[in-house]
Amino acid sequence: MLRLTAVKFNWIISEKNNAKIQQACIDLEYRLRPKITRFLMDRLDAEFDGNFNCFHFDVDMKNRWVWISEKTPLKYIEHIKADFDREINGSYF
């Protein structure tokens, strides 16, 4: 049985954190989480069996950009980095 465990997000917020910003983060996470999870499953599922909790992503709210955090183990960064920007950042969130 496949049991997915979640990736982790680090939110980079350049303006004052308020209810509007928090709601924007929640909305963005609902769009990003399935997109990133599908991306990882397509490339790593056999290796991870749905356990993606070692993957960390930094989300820059001002610039609307996501990148693989340095908290992610380097061997996994190397495996996914070539396609990540194109598939995750290549289109509007």
PDB file of N, CA and C in Angstrom:
ATOM      1  N   MET A   1       0.843  -1.183   0.000  1.00  0.00           N
ATOM      2  CA  MET A   1       0.000   0.000   0.000  1.00  0.00           C
ATOM      3  C   MET A   1       0.888   1.246   0.000  1.00  0.00           C
ATOM      4  N   LEU A   2       0.596   2.148  -0.885  1.00  0.00           N
ATOM      5  CA  LEU A   2       1.359   3.388  -0.993  1.00  0.00           C
ATOM      6  C   LEU A   2       0.829   4.404   0.010  1.00  0.00           C
ATOM      7  N   ARG A   3       1.725   4.927   0.828  1.00  0.00           N
ATOM      8  CA  ARG A   3       1.353   5.965   1.779  1.00  0.00           C
ATOM      9  C   ARG A   3       2.278   7.141   1.560  1.00  0.00           C
ATOM     10  N   LEU A   4       1.735   8.223   1.078  1.00  0.00           N
ATOM     11  CA  LEU A   4       2.542   9.401   0.795  1.00  0.00           C
ATOM     12  C   LEU A   4       2.860  10.163   2.069  1.00  0.00           C
ATOM     13  N   THR A   5       4.097  10.595   2.189  1.00  0.00           N
ATOM     14  CA  THR A   5       4.464  11.534   3.238  1.00  0.00           C
ATOM     15  C   THR A   5       4.902  12.821   2.559  1.00  0.00           C
ATOM     16  N   ALA A   6       4.615  13.889   3.191  1.00  0.00           N
ATOM     17  CA  ALA A   6       4.689  15.206   2.562  1.00  0.00           C
ATOM     18  C   ALA A   6       6.094  15.774   2.460  1.00  0.00           C
ATOM     19  N   VAL A   7       6.259  16.539   1.393  1.00  0.00           N
ATOM     20  CA  VAL A   7       7.433  17.377   1.253  1.00  0.00           C
ATOM     21  C   VAL A   7       7.276  18.554   2.223  1.00  0.00           C
ATOM     22  N   LYS A   8       8.360  19.251   2.451  1.00  0.00           N
ATOM     23  CA  LYS A   8       8.322  20.384   3.386  1.00  0.00           C
ATOM     24  C   LYS A   8       8.627  21.680   2.640  1.00  0.00           C
ATOM     25  N   PHE A   9       7.916  22.744   3.036  1.00  0.00           N
ATOM     26  CA  PHE A   9       8.100  24.051   2.425  1.00  0.00           C
ATOM     27  C   PHE A   9       8.650  25.042   3.433  1.00  0.00           C
ATOM     28  N   ASN A  10       9.583  25.862   2.975  1.00  0.00           N
ATOM     29  CA  ASN A  10      10.101  26.990   3.740  1.00  0.00           C
ATOM     30  C   ASN A  10       9.630  28.246   3.010  1.00  0.00           C
ATOM     31  N   TRP A  11       8.795  29.024   3.664  1.00  0.00           N
ATOM     32  CA  TRP A  11       8.204  30.209   3.035  1.00  0.00           C
ATOM     33  C   TRP A  11       9.107  31.417   3.253  1.00  0.00           C
ATOM     34  N   ILE A  12       9.484  32.053   2.172  1.00  0.00           N
ATOM     35  CA  ILE A  12      10.302  33.265   2.221  1.00  0.00           C
ATOM     36  C   ILE A  12       9.370  34.424   1.911  1.00  0.00           C
ATOM     37  N   ILE A  13       9.133  35.228   2.936  1.00  0.00           N
ATOM     38  CA  ILE A  13       8.156  36.309   2.841  1.00  0.00           C
ATOM     39  C   ILE A  13       8.878  37.624   3.106  1.00  0.00           C
ATOM     40  N   SER A  14       8.830  38.527   2.136  1.00  0.00           N
ATOM     41  CA  SER A  14       9.566  39.780   2.270  1.00  0.00           C
ATOM     42  C   SER A  14       8.732  40.902   2.864  1.00  0.00           C
ATOM     43  N   GLU A  15       7.440  40.731   2.909  1.00  0.00           N
ATOM     44  CA  GLU A  15       6.599  41.773   3.493  1.00  0.00           C
ATOM     45  C   GLU A  15       6.066  41.307   4.849  1.00  0.00           C
ATOM     46  N   LYS A  16       5.379  42.175   5.512  1.00  0.00           N
ATOM     47  CA  LYS A  16       4.857  41.868   6.835  1.00  0.00           C
ATOM     48  C   LYS A  16       3.879  40.691   6.749  1.00  0.00           C
ATOM     49  N   ASN A  17       4.095  39.714   7.621  1.00  0.00           N
ATOM     50  CA  ASN A  17       3.252  38.529   7.650  1.00  0.00           C
ATOM     51  C   ASN A  17       1.900  38.899   8.261  1.00  0.00           C
ATOM     52  N   ASN A  18       0.859  38.808   7.460  1.00  0.00           N
ATOM     53  CA  ASN A  18      -0.481  39.118   7.941  1.00  0.00           C
ATOM     54  C   ASN A  18      -1.445  38.066   7.406  1.00  0.00           C
ATOM     55  N   ALA A  19      -2.726  38.231   7.663  1.00  0.00           N
ATOM     56  CA  ALA A  19      -3.724  37.248   7.260  1.00  0.00           C
ATOM     57  C   ALA A  19      -3.757  37.069   5.744  1.00  0.00           C
ATOM     58  N   LYS A  20      -3.573  38.150   5.007  1.00  0.00           N
ATOM     59  CA  LYS A  20      -3.587  38.082   3.547  1.00  0.00           C
ATOM     60  C   LYS A  20      -2.408  37.239   3.038  1.00  0.00           C
ATOM     61  N   ILE A  21      -1.249  37.458   3.596  1.00  0.00           N
ATOM     62  CA  ILE A  21      -0.051  36.695   3.205  1.00  0.00           C
ATOM     63  C   ILE A  21      -0.219  35.228   3.595  1.00  0.00           C
ATOM     64  N   GLN A  22      -0.719  34.969   4.789  1.00  0.00           N
ATOM     65  CA  GLN A  22      -0.926  33.588   5.221  1.00  0.00           C
ATOM     66  C   GLN A  22      -1.892  32.862   4.298  1.00  0.00           C
ATOM     67  N   GLN A  23      -2.959  33.532   3.888  1.00  0.00           N
ATOM     68  CA  GLN A  23      -3.918  32.916   2.976  1.00  0.00           C
ATOM     69  C   GLN A  23      -3.275  32.660   1.611  1.00  0.00           C
ATOM     70  N   ALA A  24      -2.443  33.578   1.154  1.00  0.00           N
ATOM     71  CA  ALA A  24      -1.738  33.387  -0.121  1.00  0.00           C
ATOM     72  C   ALA A  24      -0.799  32.174  -0.042  1.00  0.00           C
ATOM     73  N   CYS A  25      -0.136  31.999   1.091  1.00  0.00           N
ATOM     74  CA  CYS A  25       0.742  30.837   1.285  1.00  0.00           C
ATOM     75  C   CYS A  25      -0.062  29.540   1.260  1.00  0.00           C
ATOM     76  N   ILE A  26      -1.192  29.539   1.919  1.00  0.00           N
ATOM     77  CA  ILE A  26      -2.050  28.347   1.946  1.00  0.00           C
ATOM     78  C   ILE A  26      -2.534  28.017   0.542  1.00  0.00           C
ATOM     79  N   ASP A  27      -3.013  29.033  -0.165  1.00  0.00           N
ATOM     80  CA  ASP A  27      -3.496  28.818  -1.528  1.00  0.00           C
ATOM     81  C   ASP A  27      -2.390  28.289  -2.440  1.00  0.00           C
ATOM     82  N   LEU A  28      -1.208  28.872  -2.313  1.00  0.00           N
ATOM     83  CA  LEU A  28      -0.084  28.443  -3.134  1.00  0.00           C
ATOM     84  C   LEU A  28       0.342  27.022  -2.775  1.00  0.00           C
ATOM     85  N   GLU A  29       0.339  26.697  -1.506  1.00  0.00           N
ATOM     86  CA  GLU A  29       0.712  25.346  -1.103  1.00  0.00           C
ATOM     87  C   GLU A  29      -0.247  24.308  -1.675  1.00  0.00           C
ATOM     88  N   TYR A  30      -1.534  24.617  -1.710  1.00  0.00           N
ATOM     89  CA  TYR A  30      -2.512  23.691  -2.287  1.00  0.00           C
ATOM     90  C   TYR A  30      -2.264  23.456  -3.778  1.00  0.00           C
ATOM     91  N   ARG A  31      -1.687  24.420  -4.448  1.00  0.00           N
ATOM     92  CA  ARG A  31      -1.354  24.240  -5.867  1.00  0.00           C
ATOM     93  C   ARG A  31       0.009  23.560  -6.048  1.00  0.00           C
ATOM     94  N   LEU A  32       0.965  23.912  -5.194  1.00  0.00           N
ATOM     95  CA  LEU A  32       2.313  23.374  -5.338  1.00  0.00           C
ATOM     96  C   LEU A  32       2.443  21.924  -4.881  1.00  0.00           C
ATOM     97  N   ARG A  33       1.837  21.590  -3.754  1.00  0.00           N
ATOM     98  CA  ARG A  33       2.040  20.264  -3.162  1.00  0.00           C
ATOM     99  C   ARG A  33       1.720  19.127  -4.145  1.00  0.00           C
ATOM    100  N   PRO A  34       0.554  19.114  -4.804  1.00  0.00           N
ATOM    101  CA  PRO A  34       0.312  18.007  -5.735  1.00  0.00           C
ATOM    102  C   PRO A  34       1.226  18.038  -6.961  1.00  0.00           C
ATOM    103  N   LYS A  35       1.568  19.226  -7.414  1.00  0.00           N
ATOM    104  CA  LYS A  35       2.446  19.353  -8.575  1.00  0.00           C
ATOM    105  C   LYS A  35       3.840  18.807  -8.267  1.00  0.00           C
ATOM    106  N   ILE A  36       4.392  19.181  -7.119  1.00  0.00           N
ATOM    107  CA  ILE A  36       5.721  18.707  -6.732  1.00  0.00           C
ATOM    108  C   ILE A  36       5.694  17.225  -6.396  1.00  0.00           C
ATOM    109  N   THR A  37       4.656  16.780  -5.712  1.00  0.00           N
ATOM    110  CA  THR A  37       4.549  15.356  -5.372  1.00  0.00           C
ATOM    111  C   THR A  37       4.487  14.510  -6.638  1.00  0.00           C
ATOM    112  N   ARG A  38       3.694  14.922  -7.612  1.00  0.00           N
ATOM    113  CA  ARG A  38       3.613  14.193  -8.888  1.00  0.00           C
ATOM    114  C   ARG A  38       4.976  14.199  -9.578  1.00  0.00           C
ATOM    115  N   PHE A  39       5.651  15.324  -9.571  1.00  0.00           N
ATOM    116  CA  PHE A  39       6.985  15.429 -10.157  1.00  0.00           C
ATOM    117  C   PHE A  39       7.929  14.404  -9.519  1.00  0.00           C
ATOM    118  N   LEU A  40       7.927  14.327  -8.190  1.00  0.00           N
ATOM    119  CA  LEU A  40       8.794  13.384  -7.485  1.00  0.00           C
ATOM    120  C   LEU A  40       8.386  11.939  -7.747  1.00  0.00           C
ATOM    121  N   MET A  41       7.094  11.681  -7.752  1.00  0.00           N
ATOM    122  CA  MET A  41       6.622  10.315  -7.998  1.00  0.00           C
ATOM    123  C   MET A  41       7.025   9.838  -9.390  1.00  0.00           C
ATOM    124  N   ASP A  42       6.943  10.707 -10.364  1.00  0.00           N
ATOM    125  CA  ASP A  42       7.310  10.336 -11.730  1.00  0.00           C
ATOM    126  C   ASP A  42       8.792   9.996 -11.858  1.00  0.00           C
ATOM    127  N   ARG A  43       9.622  10.582 -11.015  1.00  0.00           N
ATOM    128  CA  ARG A  43      11.061  10.365 -11.119  1.00  0.00           C
ATOM    129  C   ARG A  43      11.633   9.425 -10.070  1.00  0.00           C
ATOM    130  N   LEU A  44      10.988   9.327  -8.915  1.00  0.00           N
ATOM    131  CA  LEU A  44      11.619   8.635  -7.793  1.00  0.00           C
ATOM    132  C   LEU A  44      10.734   7.620  -7.085  1.00  0.00           C
ATOM    133  N   ASP A  45       9.525   7.407  -7.530  1.00  0.00           N
ATOM    134  CA  ASP A  45       8.574   6.621  -6.746  1.00  0.00           C
ATOM    135  C   ASP A  45       9.093   5.238  -6.368  1.00  0.00           C
ATOM    136  N   ALA A  46       9.683   4.513  -7.281  1.00  0.00           N
ATOM    137  CA  ALA A  46      10.175   3.173  -6.961  1.00  0.00           C
ATOM    138  C   ALA A  46      11.232   3.225  -5.865  1.00  0.00           C
ATOM    139  N   GLU A  47      12.002   4.282  -5.872  1.00  0.00           N
ATOM    140  CA  GLU A  47      13.078   4.444  -4.894  1.00  0.00           C
ATOM    141  C   GLU A  47      12.556   4.859  -3.520  1.00  0.00           C
ATOM    142  N   PHE A  48      11.473   5.633  -3.476  1.00  0.00           N
ATOM    143  CA  PHE A  48      11.014   6.217  -2.227  1.00  0.00           C
ATOM    144  C   PHE A  48       9.700   5.645  -1.709  1.00  0.00           C
ATOM    145  N   ASP A  49       8.965   4.962  -2.545  1.00  0.00           N
ATOM    146  CA  ASP A  49       7.684   4.384  -2.160  1.00  0.00           C
ATOM    147  C   ASP A  49       6.770   5.420  -1.500  1.00  0.00           C
ATOM    148  N   GLY A  50       6.783   6.629  -2.036  1.00  0.00           N
ATOM    149  CA  GLY A  50       5.884   7.667  -1.545  1.00  0.00           C
ATOM    150  C   GLY A  50       6.359   8.421  -0.321  1.00  0.00           C
ATOM    151  N   ASN A  51       7.536   8.104   0.199  1.00  0.00           N
ATOM    152  CA  ASN A  51       8.047   8.791   1.377  1.00  0.00           C
ATOM    153  C   ASN A  51       8.962   9.929   0.930  1.00  0.00           C
ATOM    154  N   PHE A  52       8.378  11.128   0.853  1.00  0.00           N
ATOM    155  CA  PHE A  52       9.112  12.280   0.345  1.00  0.00           C
ATOM    156  C   PHE A  52       9.441  13.294   1.438  1.00  0.00           C
ATOM    157  N   ASN A  53       9.468  12.861   2.683  1.00  0.00           N
ATOM    158  CA  ASN A  53       9.686  13.814   3.774  1.00  0.00           C
ATOM    159  C   ASN A  53      11.109  14.350   3.860  1.00  0.00           C
ATOM    160  N   CYS A  54      12.036  13.824   3.092  1.00  0.00           N
ATOM    161  CA  CYS A  54      13.403  14.377   3.100  1.00  0.00           C
ATOM    162  C   CYS A  54      13.565  15.484   2.057  1.00  0.00           C
ATOM    163  N   PHE A  55      12.491  15.788   1.315  1.00  0.00           N
ATOM    164  CA  PHE A  55      12.548  16.835   0.308  1.00  0.00           C
ATOM    165  C   PHE A  55      12.029  18.147   0.875  1.00  0.00           C
ATOM    166  N   HIS A  56      12.864  19.173   0.788  1.00  0.00           N
ATOM    167  CA  HIS A  56      12.539  20.499   1.298  1.00  0.00           C
ATOM    168  C   HIS A  56      12.614  21.479   0.132  1.00  0.00           C
ATOM    169  N   PHE A  57      11.673  22.418   0.125  1.00  0.00           N
ATOM    170  CA  PHE A  57      11.615  23.402  -0.940  1.00  0.00           C
ATOM    171  C   PHE A  57      11.447  24.790  -0.354  1.00  0.00           C
ATOM    172  N   ASP A  58      12.180  25.750  -0.896  1.00  0.00           N
ATOM    173  CA  ASP A  58      12.068  27.148  -0.496  1.00  0.00           C
ATOM    174  C   ASP A  58      11.131  27.832  -1.477  1.00  0.00           C
ATOM    175  N   VAL A  59      10.186  28.590  -0.933  1.00  0.00           N
ATOM    176  CA  VAL A  59       9.200  29.282  -1.758  1.00  0.00           C
ATOM    177  C   VAL A  59       9.326  30.779  -1.506  1.00  0.00           C
ATOM    178  N   ASP A  60       9.754  31.494  -2.517  1.00  0.00           N
ATOM    179  CA  ASP A  60       9.901  32.944  -2.449  1.00  0.00           C
ATOM    180  C   ASP A  60       8.577  33.565  -2.900  1.00  0.00           C
ATOM    181  N   MET A  61       7.829  34.104  -1.956  1.00  0.00           N
ATOM    182  CA  MET A  61       6.510  34.645  -2.260  1.00  0.00           C
ATOM    183  C   MET A  61       6.584  35.911  -3.109  1.00  0.00           C
ATOM    184  N   LYS A  62       7.589  36.727  -2.894  1.00  0.00           N
ATOM    185  CA  LYS A  62       7.700  37.972  -3.656  1.00  0.00           C
ATOM    186  C   LYS A  62       7.957  37.694  -5.131  1.00  0.00           C
ATOM    187  N   ASN A  63       8.899  36.800  -5.405  1.00  0.00           N
ATOM    188  CA  ASN A  63       9.284  36.512  -6.778  1.00  0.00           C
ATOM    189  C   ASN A  63       8.525  35.333  -7.385  1.00  0.00           C
ATOM    190  N   ARG A  64       7.678  34.696  -6.566  1.00  0.00           N
ATOM    191  CA  ARG A  64       6.878  33.552  -7.026  1.00  0.00           C
ATOM    192  C   ARG A  64       7.777  32.484  -7.649  1.00  0.00           C
ATOM    193  N   TRP A  65       8.765  32.045  -6.872  1.00  0.00           N
ATOM    194  CA  TRP A  65       9.735  31.075  -7.351  1.00  0.00           C
ATOM    195  C   TRP A  65       9.955  30.003  -6.291  1.00  0.00           C
ATOM    196  N   VAL A  66      10.133  28.775  -6.733  1.00  0.00           N
ATOM    197  CA  VAL A  66      10.383  27.648  -5.835  1.00  0.00           C
ATOM    198  C   VAL A  66      11.716  27.033  -6.229  1.00  0.00           C
ATOM    199  N   TRP A  67      12.518  26.686  -5.231  1.00  0.00           N
ATOM    200  CA  TRP A  67      13.742  25.962  -5.524  1.00  0.00           C
ATOM    201  C   TRP A  67      13.949  24.888  -4.484  1.00  0.00           C
ATOM    202  N   ILE A  68      14.814  23.968  -4.825  1.00  0.00           N
ATOM    203  CA  ILE A  68      15.104  22.840  -3.946  1.00  0.00           C
ATOM    204  C   ILE A  68      16.008  23.352  -2.834  1.00  0.00           C
ATOM    205  N   SER A  69      15.583  23.162  -1.603  1.00  0.00           N
ATOM    206  CA  SER A  69      16.342  23.639  -0.453  1.00  0.00           C
ATOM    207  C   SER A  69      17.607  22.822  -0.252  1.00  0.00           C
ATOM    208  N   GLU A  70      18.595  23.463   0.320  1.00  0.00           N
ATOM    209  CA  GLU A  70      19.836  22.778   0.684  1.00  0.00           C
ATOM    210  C   GLU A  70      19.614  21.754   1.790  1.00  0.00           C
ATOM    211  N   LYS A  71      18.464  21.769   2.430  1.00  0.00           N
ATOM    212  CA  LYS A  71      18.125  20.767   3.442  1.00  0.00           C
ATOM    213  C   LYS A  71      17.833  19.404   2.809  1.00  0.00           C
ATOM    214  N   THR A  72      17.544  19.410   1.512  1.00  0.00           N
ATOM    215  CA  THR A  72      17.333  18.154   0.788  1.00  0.00           C
ATOM    216  C   THR A  72      18.696  17.504   0.581  1.00  0.00           C
ATOM    217  N   PRO A  73      18.806  16.192   0.814  1.00  0.00           N
ATOM    218  CA  PRO A  73      20.100  15.532   0.595  1.00  0.00           C
ATOM    219  C   PRO A  73      20.616  15.763  -0.829  1.00  0.00           C
ATOM    220  N   LEU A  74      21.901  16.052  -0.936  1.00  0.00           N
ATOM    221  CA  LEU A  74      22.533  16.417  -2.203  1.00  0.00           C
ATOM    222  C   LEU A  74      22.307  15.378  -3.297  1.00  0.00           C
ATOM    223  N   LYS A  75      22.347  14.108  -2.963  1.00  0.00           N
ATOM    224  CA  LYS A  75      22.175  13.085  -4.003  1.00  0.00           C
ATOM    225  C   LYS A  75      20.787  13.176  -4.638  1.00  0.00           C
ATOM    226  N   TYR A  76      19.789  13.624  -3.894  1.00  0.00           N
ATOM    227  CA  TYR A  76      18.443  13.779  -4.457  1.00  0.00           C
ATOM    228  C   TYR A  76      18.318  15.083  -5.242  1.00  0.00           C
ATOM    229  N   ILE A  77      18.994  16.124  -4.751  1.00  0.00           N
ATOM    230  CA  ILE A  77      19.010  17.382  -5.492  1.00  0.00           C
ATOM    231  C   ILE A  77      19.593  17.135  -6.880  1.00  0.00           C
ATOM    232  N   GLU A  78      20.705  16.445  -6.929  1.00  0.00           N
ATOM    233  CA  GLU A  78      21.367  16.166  -8.206  1.00  0.00           C
ATOM    234  C   GLU A  78      20.459  15.381  -9.144  1.00  0.00           C
ATOM    235  N   HIS A  79      19.651  14.518  -8.589  1.00  0.00           N
ATOM    236  CA  HIS A  79      18.778  13.663  -9.401  1.00  0.00           C
ATOM    237  C   HIS A  79      17.609  14.428 -10.023  1.00  0.00           C
ATOM    238  N   ILE A  80      17.097  15.452  -9.341  1.00  0.00           N
ATOM    239  CA  ILE A  80      15.889  16.123  -9.826  1.00  0.00           C
ATOM    240  C   ILE A  80      16.116  17.539 -10.355  1.00  0.00           C
ATOM    241  N   LYS A  81      17.276  18.126 -10.093  1.00  0.00           N
ATOM    242  CA  LYS A  81      17.457  19.548 -10.387  1.00  0.00           C
ATOM    243  C   LYS A  81      17.357  19.895 -11.872  1.00  0.00           C
ATOM    244  N   ALA A  82      17.750  19.003 -12.748  1.00  0.00           N
ATOM    245  CA  ALA A  82      17.746  19.314 -14.175  1.00  0.00           C
ATOM    246  C   ALA A  82      16.344  19.628 -14.688  1.00  0.00           C
ATOM    247  N   ASP A  83      15.357  18.934 -14.201  1.00  0.00           N
ATOM    248  CA  ASP A  83      13.982  19.116 -14.671  1.00  0.00           C
ATOM    249  C   ASP A  83      13.135  20.009 -13.763  1.00  0.00           C
ATOM    250  N   PHE A  84      13.586  20.250 -12.556  1.00  0.00           N
ATOM    251  CA  PHE A  84      12.740  20.909 -11.565  1.00  0.00           C
ATOM    252  C   PHE A  84      12.298  22.306 -11.984  1.00  0.00           C
ATOM    253  N   ASP A  85      13.229  23.169 -12.318  1.00  0.00           N
ATOM    254  CA  ASP A  85      12.865  24.546 -12.683  1.00  0.00           C
ATOM    255  C   ASP A  85      11.909  24.592 -13.863  1.00  0.00           C
ATOM    256  N   ARG A  86      12.190  23.793 -14.859  1.00  0.00           N
ATOM    257  CA  ARG A  86      11.338  23.802 -16.050  1.00  0.00           C
ATOM    258  C   ARG A  86       9.912  23.329 -15.712  1.00  0.00           C
ATOM    259  N   GLU A  87       9.809  22.278 -14.945  1.00  0.00           N
ATOM    260  CA  GLU A  87       8.480  21.707 -14.691  1.00  0.00           C
ATOM    261  C   GLU A  87       7.724  22.385 -13.559  1.00  0.00           C
ATOM    262  N   ILE A  88       8.413  22.893 -12.567  1.00  0.00           N
ATOM    263  CA  ILE A  88       7.722  23.514 -11.435  1.00  0.00           C
ATOM    264  C   ILE A  88       7.628  25.018 -11.617  1.00  0.00           C
ATOM    265  N   ASN A  89       8.685  25.666 -12.017  1.00  0.00           N
ATOM    266  CA  ASN A  89       8.675  27.117 -12.181  1.00  0.00           C
ATOM    267  C   ASN A  89       8.373  27.560 -13.618  1.00  0.00           C
ATOM    268  N   GLY A  90       8.375  26.626 -14.522  1.00  0.00           N
ATOM    269  CA  GLY A  90       8.195  26.958 -15.932  1.00  0.00           C
ATOM    270  C   GLY A  90       6.846  27.545 -16.276  1.00  0.00           C
ATOM    271  N   SER A  91       5.866  27.317 -15.432  1.00  0.00           N
ATOM    272  CA  SER A  91       4.547  27.894 -15.654  1.00  0.00           C
ATOM    273  C   SER A  91       4.120  28.593 -14.386  1.00  0.00           C
ATOM    274  N   TYR A  92       3.196  29.502 -14.530  1.00  0.00           N
ATOM    275  CA  TYR A  92       2.709  30.262 -13.377  1.00  0.00           C
ATOM    276  C   TYR A  92       2.147  29.309 -12.335  1.00  0.00           C
ATOM    277  N   PHE A  93       2.414  29.591 -11.073  1.00  0.00           N
ATOM    278  CA  PHE A  93       1.923  28.734  -9.987  1.00  0.00           C
ATOM    279  C   PHE A  93       0.432  28.526 -10.140  1.00  0.00           C
TER     280      PHE A  93
END
